[in-house]
Protein backbone atom coordinates (compact mmCIF):
# COMPACT_ATOMS: atom_id res chain seq x y z
CA MET A 1 -0.05 0.10 -0.01
CA SER A 2 1.07 3.56 -0.91
CA THR A 3 1.47 5.87 2.07
CA GLU A 4 1.23 8.96 -0.55
CA LYS A 5 -1.40 11.37 -0.32
CA LYS A 6 -3.66 12.08 -3.49
CA SER A 7 -3.94 15.84 -4.44
CA GLN A 8 -7.19 17.12 -5.20
CA SER A 9 -7.91 18.17 -8.97
CA LEU A 10 -9.26 21.84 -9.17
CA THR A 11 -11.23 23.18 -12.03
CA PRO A 12 -10.40 26.47 -13.90
CA GLN A 13 -13.46 27.82 -12.52
CA GLU A 14 -11.95 27.17 -8.86
CA LEU A 15 -8.69 29.20 -9.88
CA ASP A 16 -10.65 32.20 -11.38
CA PHE A 17 -10.42 35.16 -9.15
CA HIS A 18 -13.96 36.16 -10.06
CA HIS A 19 -15.22 33.20 -7.55
CA ALA A 20 -14.34 34.53 -4.44
CA HIS A 21 -16.72 32.31 -2.71
CA ILE A 22 -14.81 29.24 -4.07
CA LEU A 23 -11.67 30.85 -3.16
CA ALA A 24 -12.63 31.37 0.39
CA ARG A 25 -12.14 27.76 0.97
CA TYR A 26 -8.38 28.27 0.83
CA VAL A 27 -8.34 31.22 3.15
CA THR A 28 -8.63 31.33 7.15
CA GLU A 29 -10.96 33.26 9.02
CA THR A 30 -8.25 35.90 9.65
CA GLY A 31 -7.46 36.04 5.98
CA LYS A 32 -4.33 34.12 5.66
CA ILE A 33 -3.73 31.53 2.74
CA ILE A 34 -3.93 28.19 3.93
CA PRO A 35 -0.74 26.12 2.95
CA ALA A 36 -0.73 23.62 0.36
CA LYS A 37 0.05 20.71 2.84
CA MET A 38 -3.11 21.58 4.68
CA ASN A 39 -5.21 21.76 1.28
CA ARG A 40 -3.62 18.55 -0.23
CA ILE A 41 -2.81 20.11 -3.61
CA ASN A 42 0.43 20.35 -5.29
CA ALA A 43 2.85 23.36 -5.77
CA LYS A 44 1.65 24.39 -9.07
CA GLN A 45 -2.14 24.70 -8.00
CA GLN A 46 -0.98 26.35 -4.65
CA ARG A 47 0.72 29.18 -6.97
CA LYS A 48 -2.51 29.57 -8.84
CA ILE A 49 -4.64 29.66 -6.07
CA THR A 50 -2.44 32.18 -4.26
CA LYS A 51 -2.50 34.41 -7.36
CA ALA A 52 -6.11 34.34 -7.72
CA ILE A 53 -6.55 35.19 -4.06
CA LYS A 54 -4.31 38.08 -4.48
CA ARG A 55 -6.21 39.21 -7.57
CA ALA A 56 -9.45 38.95 -5.80
CA ARG A 57 -8.11 40.84 -2.82
CA ASN A 58 -6.65 43.73 -5.00
CA LEU A 59 -10.10 44.02 -6.60
CA ARG A 60 -12.00 43.92 -3.34
CA LEU A 61 -13.61 40.96 -3.97
CA MET A 62 -12.20 39.36 -1.00
CA LYS A 63 -11.08 40.62 2.43
């Protein structure tokens, strides 16, 4: 048996900064971005999520 964790697959809609309600899953109550290990996603997806969250914050779509 393998002990590796399987990463989640994210759709392009989840990585779009216009969908702040979806991106809110990757942010804590205090507004910090949750690390990839806790989200169980790979580094490439984490970078895309981080970029989308920062864009949404700059456009005041998220706090």
